[in-house]
Amino acid sequence: LRSDCLSVNKNGKKVSYDGLLIKRGQPGPNDFVTLQPG
């Protein structure tokens, strides 16, 4: 959890992200994962 990538609700109310906030540059090939069909 290094970004606000989840929608979180508690008792019907939005819960704000309170984790680390990162300035990113360029991703590299190792920042990807390959998934074959299925």
All heavy atoms as atom14 arrays in JSON, in Angstrom:
{
  "sequence": "LRSDCLSVNKNGKKVSYDGLLIKRGQPGPNDFVTLQPG",
  "atom14_mask": [
    [1, 1, 1, 1, 1, 1, 1, 1, 0, 0, 0, 0, 0, 0],
    [1, 1, 1, 1, 1, 1, 1, 1, 1, 1, 1, 0, 0, 0],
    [1, 1, 1, 1, 1, 1, 0, 0, 0, 0, 0, 0, 0, 0],
    [1, 1, 1, 1, 1, 1, 1, 1, 0, 0, 0, 0, 0, 0],
    [1, 1, 1, 1, 1, 1, 0, 0, 0, 0, 0, 0, 0, 0],
    [1, 1, 1, 1, 1, 1, 1, 1, 0, 0, 0, 0, 0, 0],
    [1, 1, 1, 1, 1, 1, 0, 0, 0, 0, 0, 0, 0, 0],
    [1, 1, 1, 1, 1, 1, 1, 0, 0, 0, 0, 0, 0, 0],
    [1, 1, 1, 1, 1, 1, 1, 1, 0, 0, 0, 0, 0, 0],
    [1, 1, 1, 1, 1, 1, 1, 1, 1, 0, 0, 0, 0, 0],
    [1, 1, 1, 1, 1, 1, 1, 1, 0, 0, 0, 0, 0, 0],
    [1, 1, 1, 1, 0, 0, 0, 0, 0, 0, 0, 0, 0, 0],
    [1, 1, 1, 1, 1, 1, 1, 1, 1, 0, 0, 0, 0, 0],
    [1, 1, 1, 1, 1, 1, 1, 1, 1, 0, 0, 0, 0, 0],
    [1, 1, 1, 1, 1, 1, 1, 0, 0, 0, 0, 0, 0, 0],
    [1, 1, 1, 1, 1, 1, 0, 0, 0, 0, 0, 0, 0, 0],
    [1, 1, 1, 1, 1, 1, 1, 1, 1, 1, 1, 1, 0, 0],
    [1, 1, 1, 1, 1, 1, 1, 1, 0, 0, 0, 0, 0, 0],
    [1, 1, 1, 1, 0, 0, 0, 0, 0, 0, 0, 0, 0, 0],
    [1, 1, 1, 1, 1, 1, 1, 1, 0, 0, 0, 0, 0, 0],
    [1, 1, 1, 1, 1, 1, 1, 1, 0, 0, 0, 0, 0, 0],
    [1, 1, 1, 1, 1, 1, 1, 1, 0, 0, 0, 0, 0, 0],
    [1, 1, 1, 1, 1, 1, 1, 1, 1, 0, 0, 0, 0, 0],
    [1, 1, 1, 1, 1, 1, 1, 1, 1, 1, 1, 0, 0, 0],
    [1, 1, 1, 1, 0, 0, 0, 0, 0, 0, 0, 0, 0, 0],
    [1, 1, 1, 1, 1, 1, 1, 1, 1, 0, 0, 0, 0, 0],
    [1, 1, 1, 1, 1, 1, 1, 0, 0, 0, 0, 0, 0, 0],
    [1, 1, 1, 1, 0, 0, 0, 0, 0, 0, 0, 0, 0, 0],
    [1, 1, 1, 1, 1, 1, 1, 0, 0, 0, 0, 0, 0, 0],
    [1, 1, 1, 1, 1, 1, 1, 1, 0, 0, 0, 0, 0, 0],
    [1, 1, 1, 1, 1, 1, 1, 1, 0, 0, 0, 0, 0, 0],
    [1, 1, 1, 1, 1, 1, 1, 1, 1, 1, 1, 0, 0, 0],
    [1, 1, 1, 1, 1, 1, 1, 0, 0, 0, 0, 0, 0, 0],
    [1, 1, 1, 1, 1, 1, 1, 0, 0, 0, 0, 0, 0, 0],
    [1, 1, 1, 1, 1, 1, 1, 1, 0, 0, 0, 0, 0, 0],
    [1, 1, 1, 1, 1, 1, 1, 1, 1, 0, 0, 0, 0, 0],
    [1, 1, 1, 1, 1, 1, 1, 0, 0, 0, 0, 0, 0, 0],
    [1, 1, 1, 1, 0, 0, 0, 0, 0, 0, 0, 0, 0, 0]
  ],
  "atom14_positions": [
    [[0.85, -1.2, 0.0], [0.0, 0.0, 0.0], [0.88, 1.25, 0.0], [1.11, 1.89, 1.02], [-0.94, -0.02, 1.2], [-2.06, -1.06, 1.1], [-2.96, -1.0, 2.33], [-2.89, -0.85, -0.17], [0.0, 0.0, 0.0], [0.0, 0.0, 0.0], [0.0, 0.0, 0.0], [0.0, 0.0, 0.0], [0.0, 0.0, 0.0], [0.0, 0.0, 0.0]],
    [[1.38, 1.59, -1.19], [2.24, 2.76, -1.37], [1.55, 3.82, -2.21], [2.18, 4.73, -2.73], [3.57, 2.34, -2.02], [4.4, 1.44, -1.12], [5.65, 0.92, -1.8], [6.59, 1.97, -2.15], [7.49, 2.49, -1.31], [7.53, 2.07, -0.06], [8.32, 3.43, -1.72], [0.0, 0.0, 0.0], [0.0, 0.0, 0.0], [0.0, 0.0, 0.0]],
    [[0.22, 3.69, -2.37], [-0.58, 4.69, -3.09], [-2.03, 4.52, -2.68], [-2.42, 3.5, -2.11], [-0.45, 4.49, -4.61], [-1.03, 3.25, -4.99], [0.0, 0.0, 0.0], [0.0, 0.0, 0.0], [0.0, 0.0, 0.0], [0.0, 0.0, 0.0], [0.0, 0.0, 0.0], [0.0, 0.0, 0.0], [0.0, 0.0, 0.0], [0.0, 0.0, 0.0]],
    [[-2.83, 5.53, -3.0], [-4.26, 5.49, -2.68], [-4.99, 4.75, -3.8], [-5.71, 5.34, -4.6], [-4.8, 6.91, -2.52], [-6.26, 6.94, -2.09], [-6.76, 5.88, -1.66], [-6.88, 8.02, -2.18], [0.0, 0.0, 0.0], [0.0, 0.0, 0.0], [0.0, 0.0, 0.0], [0.0, 0.0, 0.0], [0.0, 0.0, 0.0], [0.0, 0.0, 0.0]],
    [[-4.81, 3.43, -3.83], [-5.36, 2.64, -4.92], [-6.63, 1.87, -4.53], [-7.2, 1.17, -5.36], [-4.31, 1.66, -5.45], [-3.73, 0.46, -4.23], [0.0, 0.0, 0.0], [0.0, 0.0, 0.0], [0.0, 0.0, 0.0], [0.0, 0.0, 0.0], [0.0, 0.0, 0.0], [0.0, 0.0, 0.0], [0.0, 0.0, 0.0], [0.0, 0.0, 0.0]],
    [[-7.06, 2.03, -3.29], [-8.24, 1.31, -2.82], [-9.37, 2.27, -2.49], [-9.13, 3.4, -2.04], [-7.91, 0.49, -1.56], [-6.85, -0.59, -1.69], [-6.62, -1.25, -0.34], [-7.23, -1.62, -2.74], [0.0, 0.0, 0.0], [0.0, 0.0, 0.0], [0.0, 0.0, 0.0], [0.0, 0.0, 0.0], [0.0, 0.0, 0.0], [0.0, 0.0, 0.0]],
    [[-10.59, 1.82, -2.74], [-11.78, 2.54, -2.29], [-12.24, 1.87, -1.0], [-12.65, 0.71, -1.01], [-12.87, 2.45, -3.36], [-14.08, 3.02, -2.88], [0.0, 0.0, 0.0], [0.0, 0.0, 0.0], [0.0, 0.0, 0.0], [0.0, 0.0, 0.0], [0.0, 0.0, 0.0], [0.0, 0.0, 0.0], [0.0, 0.0, 0.0], [0.0, 0.0, 0.0]],
    [[-12.13, 2.6, 0.11], [-12.43, 2.03, 1.43], [-13.59, 2.8, 2.05], [-13.55, 4.03, 2.15], [-11.2, 2.09, 2.36], [-11.51, 1.47, 3.72], [-10.01, 1.37, 1.71], [0.0, 0.0, 0.0], [0.0, 0.0, 0.0], [0.0, 0.0, 0.0], [0.0, 0.0, 0.0], [0.0, 0.0, 0.0], [0.0, 0.0, 0.0], [0.0, 0.0, 0.0]],
    [[-14.62, 2.07, 2.45], [-15.78, 2.66, 3.11], [-16.05, 1.94, 4.42], [-15.95, 0.71, 4.49], [-17.02, 2.58, 2.22], [-16.96, 3.55, 1.06], [-17.38, 4.69, 1.18], [-16.4, 3.09, -0.06], [0.0, 0.0, 0.0], [0.0, 0.0, 0.0], [0.0, 0.0, 0.0], [0.0, 0.0, 0.0], [0.0, 0.0, 0.0], [0.0, 0.0, 0.0]],
    [[-16.36, 2.72, 5.44], [-16.69, 2.15, 6.74], [-18.02, 2.7, 7.21], [-18.22, 3.91, 7.26], [-15.61, 2.46, 7.77], [-15.85, 1.77, 9.1], [-14.63, 1.88, 9.97], [-14.85, 1.03, 11.21], [-13.7, 1.12, 12.11], [0.0, 0.0, 0.0], [0.0, 0.0, 0.0], [0.0, 0.0, 0.0], [0.0, 0.0, 0.0], [0.0, 0.0, 0.0]],
    [[-18.95, 1.79, 7.49], [-20.31, 2.18, 7.87], [-20.91, 3.16, 6.86], [-21.61, 4.11, 7.21], [-20.33, 2.78, 9.28], [-19.88, 1.78, 10.33], [-20.1, 0.58, 10.2], [-19.23, 2.27, 11.38], [0.0, 0.0, 0.0], [0.0, 0.0, 0.0], [0.0, 0.0, 0.0], [0.0, 0.0, 0.0], [0.0, 0.0, 0.0], [0.0, 0.0, 0.0]],
    [[-20.56, 2.94, 5.57], [-21.11, 3.75, 4.49], [-20.4, 5.05, 4.23], [-20.79, 5.8, 3.33], [0.0, 0.0, 0.0], [0.0, 0.0, 0.0], [0.0, 0.0, 0.0], [0.0, 0.0, 0.0], [0.0, 0.0, 0.0], [0.0, 0.0, 0.0], [0.0, 0.0, 0.0], [0.0, 0.0, 0.0], [0.0, 0.0, 0.0], [0.0, 0.0, 0.0]],
    [[-19.32, 5.35, 4.95], [-18.59, 6.6, 4.77], [-17.18, 6.32, 4.25], [-16.53, 5.36, 4.67], [-18.51, 7.37, 6.09], [-19.86, 7.85, 6.6], [-19.71, 8.66, 7.88], [-21.05, 9.16, 8.39], [-20.91, 9.94, 9.66], [0.0, 0.0, 0.0], [0.0, 0.0, 0.0], [0.0, 0.0, 0.0], [0.0, 0.0, 0.0], [0.0, 0.0, 0.0]],
    [[-16.71, 7.2, 3.35], [-15.38, 7.04, 2.77], [-14.31, 7.18, 3.83], [-14.36, 8.08, 4.68], [-15.16, 8.08, 1.67], [-13.79, 8.01, 1.03], [-13.58, 9.11, 0.01], [-12.15, 9.1, -0.53], [-11.91, 10.19, -1.49], [0.0, 0.0, 0.0], [0.0, 0.0, 0.0], [0.0, 0.0, 0.0], [0.0, 0.0, 0.0], [0.0, 0.0, 0.0]],
    [[-13.31, 6.32, 3.76], [-12.13, 6.42, 4.63], [-10.97, 6.93, 3.79], [-10.62, 6.34, 2.76], [-11.78, 5.06, 5.25], [-10.53, 5.17, 6.13], [-12.95, 4.51, 6.05], [0.0, 0.0, 0.0], [0.0, 0.0, 0.0], [0.0, 0.0, 0.0], [0.0, 0.0, 0.0], [0.0, 0.0, 0.0], [0.0, 0.0, 0.0], [0.0, 0.0, 0.0]],
    [[-10.37, 8.02, 4.21], [-9.28, 8.63, 3.44], [-7.98, 7.85, 3.58], [-7.71, 7.23, 4.61], [-9.05, 10.07, 3.9], [-10.19, 10.86, 3.65], [0.0, 0.0, 0.0], [0.0, 0.0, 0.0], [0.0, 0.0, 0.0], [0.0, 0.0, 0.0], [0.0, 0.0, 0.0], [0.0, 0.0, 0.0], [0.0, 0.0, 0.0], [0.0, 0.0, 0.0]],
    [[-7.17, 7.92, 2.55], [-5.84, 7.3, 2.55], [-4.93, 8.06, 3.51], [-4.9, 9.28, 3.53], [-5.28, 7.36, 1.13], [-3.87, 6.84, 0.98], [-3.61, 5.47, 0.98], [-2.8, 7.71, 0.82], [-2.32, 4.99, 0.8], [-1.51, 7.24, 0.64], [-1.27, 5.87, 0.65], [0.01, 5.39, 0.48], [0.0, 0.0, 0.0], [0.0, 0.0, 0.0]],
    [[-4.19, 7.33, 4.32], [-3.27, 7.95, 5.28], [-1.96, 7.18, 5.3], [-1.42, 6.85, 6.36], [-3.89, 8.0, 6.68], [-3.17, 8.98, 7.6], [-2.36, 9.78, 7.1], [-3.41, 8.92, 8.83], [0.0, 0.0, 0.0], [0.0, 0.0, 0.0], [0.0, 0.0, 0.0], [0.0, 0.0, 0.0], [0.0, 0.0, 0.0], [0.0, 0.0, 0.0]],
    [[-1.47, 6.89, 4.1], [-0.19, 6.2, 3.97], [0.87, 7.13, 3.41], [0.75, 8.35, 3.46], [0.0, 0.0, 0.0], [0.0, 0.0, 0.0], [0.0, 0.0, 0.0], [0.0, 0.0, 0.0], [0.0, 0.0, 0.0], [0.0, 0.0, 0.0], [0.0, 0.0, 0.0], [0.0, 0.0, 0.0], [0.0, 0.0, 0.0], [0.0, 0.0, 0.0]],
    [[1.92, 6.54, 2.86], [3.01, 7.31, 2.29], [2.59, 7.92, 0.96], [1.83, 7.32, 0.2], [4.24, 6.43, 2.1], [4.8, 5.8, 3.39], [5.97, 4.89, 3.05], [5.19, 6.86, 4.4], [0.0, 0.0, 0.0], [0.0, 0.0, 0.0], [0.0, 0.0, 0.0], [0.0, 0.0, 0.0], [0.0, 0.0, 0.0], [0.0, 0.0, 0.0]],
    [[3.12, 9.12, 0.67], [2.83, 9.84, -0.58], [4.14, 10.01, -1.32], [5.09, 10.6, -0.81], [2.17, 11.18, -0.28], [0.76, 11.02, 0.34], [0.4, 12.21, 1.18], [-0.27, 10.79, -0.75], [0.0, 0.0, 0.0], [0.0, 0.0, 0.0], [0.0, 0.0, 0.0], [0.0, 0.0, 0.0], [0.0, 0.0, 0.0], [0.0, 0.0, 0.0]],
    [[4.18, 9.5, -2.54], [5.44, 9.3, -3.26], [5.46, 10.1, -4.56], [4.52, 10.05, -5.35], [5.63, 7.81, -3.58], [5.62, 6.98, -2.29], [6.91, 7.57, -4.35], [5.56, 5.49, -2.54], [0.0, 0.0, 0.0], [0.0, 0.0, 0.0], [0.0, 0.0, 0.0], [0.0, 0.0, 0.0], [0.0, 0.0, 0.0], [0.0, 0.0, 0.0]],
    [[6.58, 10.83, -4.79], [6.8, 11.42, -6.11], [7.58, 10.4, -6.92], [8.7, 10.02, -6.56], [7.58, 12.73, -6.03], [7.92, 13.27, -7.43], [8.55, 14.64, -7.41], [9.1, 15.01, -8.79], [8.08, 15.04, -9.86], [0.0, 0.0, 0.0], [0.0, 0.0, 0.0], [0.0, 0.0, 0.0], [0.0, 0.0, 0.0], [0.0, 0.0, 0.0]],
    [[6.97, 9.97, -8.01], [7.57, 8.94, -8.85], [8.11, 9.53, -10.14], [7.63, 10.56, -10.62], [6.54, 7.86, -9.19], [5.91, 7.16, -7.98], [4.95, 6.1, -8.46], [4.15, 5.51, -7.41], [4.46, 4.39, -6.75], [5.58, 3.77, -7.02], [3.66, 3.89, -5.83], [0.0, 0.0, 0.0], [0.0, 0.0, 0.0], [0.0, 0.0, 0.0]],
    [[9.09, 8.86, -10.68], [9.63, 9.25, -11.97], [9.24, 8.25, -13.03], [8.07, 7.99, -13.27], [0.0, 0.0, 0.0], [0.0, 0.0, 0.0], [0.0, 0.0, 0.0], [0.0, 0.0, 0.0], [0.0, 0.0, 0.0], [0.0, 0.0, 0.0], [0.0, 0.0, 0.0], [0.0, 0.0, 0.0], [0.0, 0.0, 0.0], [0.0, 0.0, 0.0]],
    [[10.22, 7.62, -13.64], [9.98, 6.69, -14.74], [10.01, 5.25, -14.24], [10.96, 4.83, -13.59], [11.08, 6.86, -15.8], [11.0, 5.86, -16.93], [12.03, 6.15, -18.0], [12.26, 7.3, -18.35], [12.64, 5.11, -18.54], [0.0, 0.0, 0.0], [0.0, 0.0, 0.0], [0.0, 0.0, 0.0], [0.0, 0.0, 0.0], [0.0, 0.0, 0.0]],
    [[8.97, 4.46, -14.54], [9.02, 3.04, -14.17], [10.01, 2.3, -15.06], [10.27, 2.7, -16.2], [7.59, 2.56, -14.41], [7.06, 3.46, -15.47], [7.71, 4.8, -15.23], [0.0, 0.0, 0.0], [0.0, 0.0, 0.0], [0.0, 0.0, 0.0], [0.0, 0.0, 0.0], [0.0, 0.0, 0.0], [0.0, 0.0, 0.0], [0.0, 0.0, 0.0]],
    [[10.57, 1.23, -14.54], [11.44, 0.38, -15.33], [10.75, -0.94, -15.64], [9.68, -1.24, -15.12], [0.0, 0.0, 0.0], [0.0, 0.0, 0.0], [0.0, 0.0, 0.0], [0.0, 0.0, 0.0], [0.0, 0.0, 0.0], [0.0, 0.0, 0.0], [0.0, 0.0, 0.0], [0.0, 0.0, 0.0], [0.0, 0.0, 0.0], [0.0, 0.0, 0.0]],
    [[11.36, -1.75, -16.49], [10.76, -3.05, -16.83], [10.46, -3.91, -15.61], [9.48, -4.66, -15.59], [11.82, -3.69, -17.73], [12.55, -2.54, -18.34], [12.59, -1.49, -17.27], [0.0, 0.0, 0.0], [0.0, 0.0, 0.0], [0.0, 0.0, 0.0], [0.0, 0.0, 0.0], [0.0, 0.0, 0.0], [0.0, 0.0, 0.0], [0.0, 0.0, 0.0]],
    [[11.3, -3.81, -14.57], [11.09, -4.62, -13.37], [9.89, -4.17, -12.54], [9.51, -4.85, -11.59], [12.35, -4.61, -12.5], [13.51, -5.35, -13.13], [13.3, -6.23, -13.97], [14.72, -4.99, -12.75], [0.0, 0.0, 0.0], [0.0, 0.0, 0.0], [0.0, 0.0, 0.0], [0.0, 0.0, 0.0], [0.0, 0.0, 0.0], [0.0, 0.0, 0.0]],
    [[9.33, -3.01, -12.88], [8.14, -2.52, -12.18], [6.85, -3.09, -12.77], [5.75, -2.73, -12.32], [8.1, -0.99, -12.19], [9.26, -0.38, -11.43], [9.47, -0.81, -10.28], [9.96, 0.5, -11.98], [0.0, 0.0, 0.0], [0.0, 0.0, 0.0], [0.0, 0.0, 0.0], [0.0, 0.0, 0.0], [0.0, 0.0, 0.0], [0.0, 0.0, 0.0]],
    [[6.97, -3.96, -13.76], [5.82, -4.6, -14.39], [5.81, -6.09, -14.08], [6.86, -6.7, -13.85], [5.87, -4.42, -15.92], [5.58, -3.03, -16.38], [6.55, -2.04, -16.32], [4.33, -2.69, -16.88], [6.29, -0.75, -16.73], [4.06, -1.4, -17.31], [5.04, -0.43, -17.23], [0.0, 0.0, 0.0], [0.0, 0.0, 0.0], [0.0, 0.0, 0.0]],
    [[4.64, -6.66, -14.08], [4.47, -8.11, -13.98], [3.71, -8.58, -15.22], [2.75, -7.93, -15.66], [3.73, -8.51, -12.69], [2.34, -7.91, -12.62], [3.66, -10.03, -12.56], [0.0, 0.0, 0.0], [0.0, 0.0, 0.0], [0.0, 0.0, 0.0], [0.0, 0.0, 0.0], [0.0, 0.0, 0.0], [0.0, 0.0, 0.0], [0.0, 0.0, 0.0]],
    [[4.16, -9.68, -15.82], [3.52, -10.22, -17.01], [2.58, -11.36, -16.63], [2.97, -12.27, -15.89], [4.56, -10.73, -18.01], [5.39, -9.64, -18.42], [3.89, -11.35, -19.24], [0.0, 0.0, 0.0], [0.0, 0.0, 0.0], [0.0, 0.0, 0.0], [0.0, 0.0, 0.0], [0.0, 0.0, 0.0], [0.0, 0.0, 0.0], [0.0, 0.0, 0.0]],
    [[1.35, -11.28, -17.13], [0.37, -12.34, -16.91], [0.0, -12.97, -18.25], [-0.47, -12.28, -19.16], [-0.89, -11.79, -16.24], [-0.75, -11.26, -14.8], [-2.11, -10.79, -14.28], [-0.18, -12.33, -13.88], [0.0, 0.0, 0.0], [0.0, 0.0, 0.0], [0.0, 0.0, 0.0], [0.0, 0.0, 0.0], [0.0, 0.0, 0.0], [0.0, 0.0, 0.0]],
    [[0.2, -14.26, -18.35], [-0.23, -14.99, -19.53], [-1.75, -15.18, -19.49], [-2.38, -14.99, -18.45], [0.48, -16.35, -19.58], [1.99, -16.28, -19.66], [2.49, -15.6, -20.92], [1.85, -15.69, -21.99], [3.62, -14.91, -20.82], [0.0, 0.0, 0.0], [0.0, 0.0, 0.0], [0.0, 0.0, 0.0], [0.0, 0.0, 0.0], [0.0, 0.0, 0.0]],
    [[-2.4, -15.55, -20.61], [-3.85, -15.78, -20.59], [-4.23, -16.79, -19.49], [-3.64, -17.86, -19.39], [-4.12, -16.34, -21.99], [-3.05, -15.75, -22.83], [-1.83, -15.69, -21.96], [0.0, 0.0, 0.0], [0.0, 0.0, 0.0], [0.0, 0.0, 0.0], [0.0, 0.0, 0.0], [0.0, 0.0, 0.0], [0.0, 0.0, 0.0], [0.0, 0.0, 0.0]],
    [[-5.17, -16.4, -18.67], [-5.63, -17.25, -17.59], [-4.79, -17.22, -16.34], [-5.16, -17.82, -15.31], [0.0, 0.0, 0.0], [0.0, 0.0, 0.0], [0.0, 0.0, 0.0], [0.0, 0.0, 0.0], [0.0, 0.0, 0.0], [0.0, 0.0, 0.0], [0.0, 0.0, 0.0], [0.0, 0.0, 0.0], [0.0, 0.0, 0.0], [0.0, 0.0, 0.0]]
  ]
}
